[in-house]
Amino acid sequence: MSSILLLDLDHTLYPSTSPTLPAVDARITHFIEIRLHLPLAEADAMRRELCAEHGTTLRGLEMLHGVSREEYTDFIQDLADHVMPSPDPHLRVWLENMARRVPTYLFTNARRDWADRCLRHLGIEDLVRNREEEGSISSAGGTVAGIFDIDFMAWVGKPHREAYEKVENHLMERHPQATEFIFADDRLENLVTARARGWQTVWVRPHDAASGLGGGHHIVDRITELDPETFV
């Protein structure tokens, strides 16, 4: 069996205890508060509701309020360095070992510049092929073969079916021998769509996840719990 591994970025490569995404959520709430002239509590409720209904808050704001993608993204990504993910040498070793065994890609709803910044803070930016190299499948092992970001998905991201189709079609052209897709993400709704396509799924369980969840996914608390020698 020939596998391809797809990894989410936020709360998948780094833990959900990191201050990074709470800081992003606070920026999103503040953006809604300013842009739509809402009280803080109402803005925060809208952030949660739009994300639940549309997959991302941005998609809801774009559809319902005409918010500019670039304006929104520039605003919410404007974070101080101290809330970004911390360097993770163990993740680096794990990622190198996994990428030597199976073609490995990132599949994220983030914009590419956010992904690059997170990878830089994690200390693994050099393990991801640059844009010029991503078209090649013959680069040296031990590197992530590419990043599927929100721009690649034409800003229709996970959990929408179109995002998975676009990624899968692209990968099948690049890896026609592939017979299995393995996808790891911290959000169960993103994994449900993947399973519907027949992908093998791994839930990187957030630290505050309710007990009793799982939905038939392989469950880990950290992505590095997957053994590169036996899992793929």
Protein backbone atom coordinates (compact mmCIF):
# COMPACT_ATOMS: atom_id res chain seq x y z
CA MET A 1 0.00 0.00 0.00
CA SER A 2 1.31 3.45 -0.97
CA SER A 3 0.29 6.16 1.48
CA ILE A 4 0.31 9.97 1.54
CA LEU A 5 0.28 11.77 4.88
CA LEU A 6 -1.54 15.08 5.28
CA LEU A 7 -1.02 17.09 8.46
CA ASP A 8 -3.00 20.03 9.73
CA LEU A 9 -0.88 22.83 11.21
CA ASP A 10 -2.44 24.70 14.13
CA HIS A 11 -3.03 22.53 17.22
CA THR A 12 -1.78 19.53 15.27
CA LEU A 13 1.93 20.20 14.87
CA TYR A 14 1.98 22.16 18.13
CA PRO A 15 -0.17 21.51 21.23
CA SER A 16 -3.55 23.04 21.94
CA THR A 17 -2.11 24.40 25.20
CA SER A 18 -0.07 26.89 23.17
CA PRO A 19 -1.26 30.53 23.51
CA THR A 20 -1.16 30.97 19.73
CA LEU A 21 -4.71 30.20 18.63
CA PRO A 22 -6.39 31.82 21.65
CA ALA A 23 -4.49 34.96 20.64
CA VAL A 24 -5.74 34.55 17.05
CA ASP A 25 -9.31 34.08 18.31
CA ALA A 26 -9.00 37.26 20.35
CA ARG A 27 -7.83 39.13 17.25
CA ILE A 28 -10.79 37.74 15.26
CA THR A 29 -13.21 38.89 17.94
CA HIS A 30 -11.57 42.31 18.01
CA PHE A 31 -11.80 42.53 14.20
CA ILE A 32 -15.55 41.80 14.31
CA GLU A 33 -15.99 44.25 17.17
CA ILE A 34 -14.36 47.05 15.17
CA ARG A 35 -15.58 46.16 11.69
CA LEU A 36 -19.24 45.52 12.59
CA HIS A 37 -19.43 47.91 15.57
CA LEU A 38 -20.54 45.23 18.02
CA PRO A 39 -20.03 44.89 21.76
CA LEU A 40 -17.23 42.50 22.69
CA ALA A 41 -19.50 39.69 23.90
CA GLU A 42 -21.63 39.81 20.75
CA ALA A 43 -18.52 39.87 18.54
CA ASP A 44 -17.13 36.80 20.29
CA ALA A 45 -20.43 34.95 19.93
CA MET A 46 -20.54 35.83 16.23
CA ARG A 47 -16.98 34.51 15.79
CA ARG A 48 -17.99 31.13 17.19
CA GLU A 49 -21.28 30.95 15.31
CA LEU A 50 -19.79 31.84 11.92
CA CYS A 51 -16.99 29.33 12.36
CA ALA A 52 -19.45 26.56 13.25
CA GLU A 53 -21.78 27.39 10.35
CA HIS A 54 -19.25 28.11 7.60
CA GLY A 55 -16.10 26.19 8.54
CA THR A 56 -14.12 29.39 9.12
CA THR A 57 -15.17 32.73 10.56
CA LEU A 58 -13.70 34.45 7.52
CA ARG A 59 -15.95 32.58 5.10
CA GLY A 60 -19.00 33.66 7.09
CA LEU A 61 -17.85 37.28 7.29
CA GLU A 62 -17.03 37.29 3.60
CA MET A 63 -20.39 35.86 2.56
CA LEU A 64 -22.60 37.80 4.97
CA HIS A 65 -20.73 41.07 5.45
CA GLY A 66 -18.46 41.50 2.43
CA VAL A 67 -15.27 41.41 4.50
CA SER A 68 -12.03 41.43 2.51
CA ARG A 69 -9.94 38.28 2.86
CA GLU A 70 -6.66 40.12 2.95
CA GLU A 71 -7.86 42.80 5.38
CA TYR A 72 -9.14 40.13 7.76
CA THR A 73 -6.13 37.86 7.50
CA ASP A 74 -3.58 40.65 7.86
CA PHE A 75 -5.37 41.81 11.00
CA ILE A 76 -5.74 38.47 12.79
CA GLN A 77 -2.17 37.35 12.02
CA ASP A 78 -0.63 40.45 13.55
CA LEU A 79 0.56 38.70 16.73
CA ALA A 80 3.54 39.25 18.99
CA ASP A 81 6.32 36.68 18.77
CA HIS A 82 5.90 35.59 22.40
CA VAL A 83 2.51 33.97 21.67
CA MET A 84 3.79 31.99 18.70
CA PRO A 85 4.57 28.24 19.03
CA SER A 86 7.77 27.26 20.82
CA PRO A 87 10.65 25.37 19.16
CA ASP A 88 10.12 21.60 19.27
CA PRO A 89 13.22 19.47 18.57
CA HIS A 90 11.24 16.26 19.13
CA LEU A 91 8.74 17.28 16.44
CA ARG A 92 11.63 18.00 14.09
CA VAL A 93 13.08 14.49 14.49
CA TRP A 94 9.64 12.91 14.13
CA LEU A 95 8.81 14.90 11.00
CA GLU A 96 12.11 14.03 9.36
CA ASN A 97 11.58 10.33 10.08
CA MET A 98 7.99 10.37 8.84
CA ALA A 99 8.81 12.29 5.64
CA ARG A 100 11.53 9.77 4.78
CA ARG A 101 8.94 6.99 4.79
CA VAL A 102 5.91 8.57 3.18
CA PRO A 103 5.18 11.70 1.10
CA THR A 104 4.11 14.26 3.71
CA TYR A 105 2.20 17.51 3.18
CA LEU A 106 0.60 20.21 5.29
CA PHE A 107 -3.12 20.82 4.73
CA THR A 108 -4.17 24.01 6.52
CA ASN A 109 -6.90 26.63 6.46
CA ALA A 110 -4.21 29.22 7.15
CA ARG A 111 -2.55 31.49 4.64
CA ARG A 112 0.94 30.46 3.52
CA ASP A 113 2.71 33.29 5.32
CA TRP A 114 1.13 32.22 8.61
CA ALA A 115 2.21 28.64 8.02
CA ASP A 116 5.75 29.75 7.27
CA ARG A 117 5.88 31.87 10.41
CA CYS A 118 4.64 29.02 12.62
CA LEU A 119 7.13 26.60 11.08
CA ARG A 120 9.92 29.08 11.68
CA HIS A 121 9.00 29.40 15.36
CA LEU A 122 8.75 25.62 15.68
CA GLY A 123 12.26 25.34 14.26
CA ILE A 124 11.24 23.24 11.25
CA GLU A 125 10.87 25.77 8.43
CA ASP A 126 13.88 24.30 6.62
CA LEU A 127 12.17 20.88 6.51
CA VAL A 128 9.47 22.20 4.18
CA ARG A 129 10.28 22.53 0.50
CA ASN A 130 10.04 26.05 -0.84
CA ARG A 131 7.49 26.99 -3.47
CA GLU A 132 9.90 26.36 -6.34
CA GLU A 133 10.67 22.82 -5.14
CA GLU A 134 7.11 21.76 -4.38
CA GLY A 135 6.43 20.68 -7.93
CA SER A 136 9.11 18.01 -7.71
CA ILE A 137 8.59 14.57 -6.17
CA SER A 138 12.26 13.61 -6.38
CA SER A 139 13.70 15.94 -3.74
CA ALA A 140 15.71 14.48 -0.86
CA GLY A 141 13.84 12.54 1.81
CA GLY A 142 13.16 13.95 5.24
CA THR A 143 11.36 17.04 3.96
CA VAL A 144 7.69 18.01 3.85
CA ALA A 145 6.77 17.95 0.18
CA GLY A 146 4.49 20.98 0.16
CA ILE A 147 1.78 23.07 1.81
CA PHE A 148 -1.86 23.19 0.76
CA ASP A 149 -3.00 26.52 2.19
CA ILE A 150 -6.27 28.43 2.02
CA ASP A 151 -5.19 30.21 -1.15
CA PHE A 152 -4.56 26.86 -2.89
CA MET A 153 -8.11 25.89 -1.93
CA ALA A 154 -9.49 29.10 -3.47
CA TRP A 155 -10.41 30.21 0.08
CA VAL A 156 -12.95 27.40 0.51
CA GLY A 157 -11.20 25.42 3.23
CA LYS A 158 -11.82 22.49 5.52
CA PRO A 159 -14.33 21.04 6.31
CA HIS A 160 -15.87 21.79 2.90
CA ARG A 161 -15.76 18.88 0.47
CA GLU A 162 -14.32 21.04 -2.31
CA ALA A 163 -11.09 21.58 -0.38
CA TYR A 164 -10.46 17.85 0.00
CA GLU A 165 -11.29 17.17 -3.64
CA LYS A 166 -8.87 19.82 -4.81
CA VAL A 167 -6.05 18.47 -2.63
CA GLU A 168 -6.76 14.84 -3.52
CA ASN A 169 -6.89 15.51 -7.25
CA HIS A 170 -3.62 17.42 -7.11
CA LEU A 171 -1.91 14.64 -5.16
CA MET A 172 -3.19 11.87 -7.42
CA GLU A 173 -1.63 13.66 -10.39
CA ARG A 174 1.67 13.92 -8.51
CA HIS A 175 1.52 10.46 -6.91
CA PRO A 176 -0.54 8.23 -9.24
CA GLN A 177 0.58 5.14 -7.31
CA ALA A 178 -1.04 6.34 -4.07
CA THR A 179 -3.71 4.05 -2.65
CA GLU A 180 -4.29 5.63 0.78
CA PHE A 181 -4.56 9.10 2.27
CA ILE A 182 -3.86 9.58 5.98
CA PHE A 183 -5.02 12.86 7.49
CA ALA A 184 -4.33 14.22 10.99
CA ASP A 185 -6.24 17.20 12.40
CA ASP A 186 -7.38 18.50 15.78
CA ARG A 187 -10.91 19.34 14.60
CA LEU A 188 -13.38 16.47 14.37
CA GLU A 189 -15.53 18.20 11.74
CA ASN A 190 -12.51 18.27 9.43
CA LEU A 191 -11.94 14.56 9.93
CA VAL A 192 -15.57 13.67 9.18
CA THR A 193 -15.25 15.01 5.63
CA ALA A 194 -11.98 13.15 5.16
CA ARG A 195 -13.50 9.84 6.30
CA ALA A 196 -16.38 10.34 3.90
CA ARG A 197 -13.77 10.33 1.12
CA GLY A 198 -12.28 7.09 2.42
CA TRP A 199 -9.23 8.68 4.02
CA GLN A 200 -7.68 7.21 7.12
CA THR A 201 -8.02 9.76 9.91
CA VAL A 202 -6.08 10.69 13.04
CA TRP A 203 -7.59 12.91 15.69
CA VAL A 204 -4.97 14.94 17.53
CA ARG A 205 -7.13 15.40 20.57
CA PRO A 206 -7.14 18.91 22.12
CA HIS A 207 -6.29 19.05 25.80
CA ASP A 208 -9.80 20.28 26.66
CA ALA A 209 -11.76 17.88 24.45
CA ALA A 210 -14.85 16.31 26.00
CA SER A 211 -14.51 12.67 26.97
CA GLY A 212 -16.26 10.02 24.93
CA LEU A 213 -15.53 11.59 21.56
CA GLY A 214 -13.56 9.92 18.79
CA GLY A 215 -15.90 8.91 15.97
CA GLY A 216 -13.82 5.92 14.89
CA HIS A 217 -10.67 7.97 14.28
CA HIS A 218 -7.24 6.90 15.45
CA ILE A 219 -6.66 9.13 18.51
CA VAL A 220 -3.43 10.64 19.82
CA ASP A 221 -2.72 13.47 22.22
CA ARG A 222 0.38 14.58 20.30
CA ILE A 223 1.14 13.98 16.63
CA THR A 224 4.56 12.61 17.61
CA GLU A 225 2.82 9.61 19.21
CA LEU A 226 2.42 8.17 15.72
CA ASP A 227 5.33 5.77 15.10
CA PRO A 228 6.85 6.45 11.68
CA GLU A 229 8.04 2.84 11.47
CA THR A 230 4.69 1.17 12.05
CA PHE A 231 1.87 3.61 11.34
CA VAL A 232 2.40 4.08 7.59
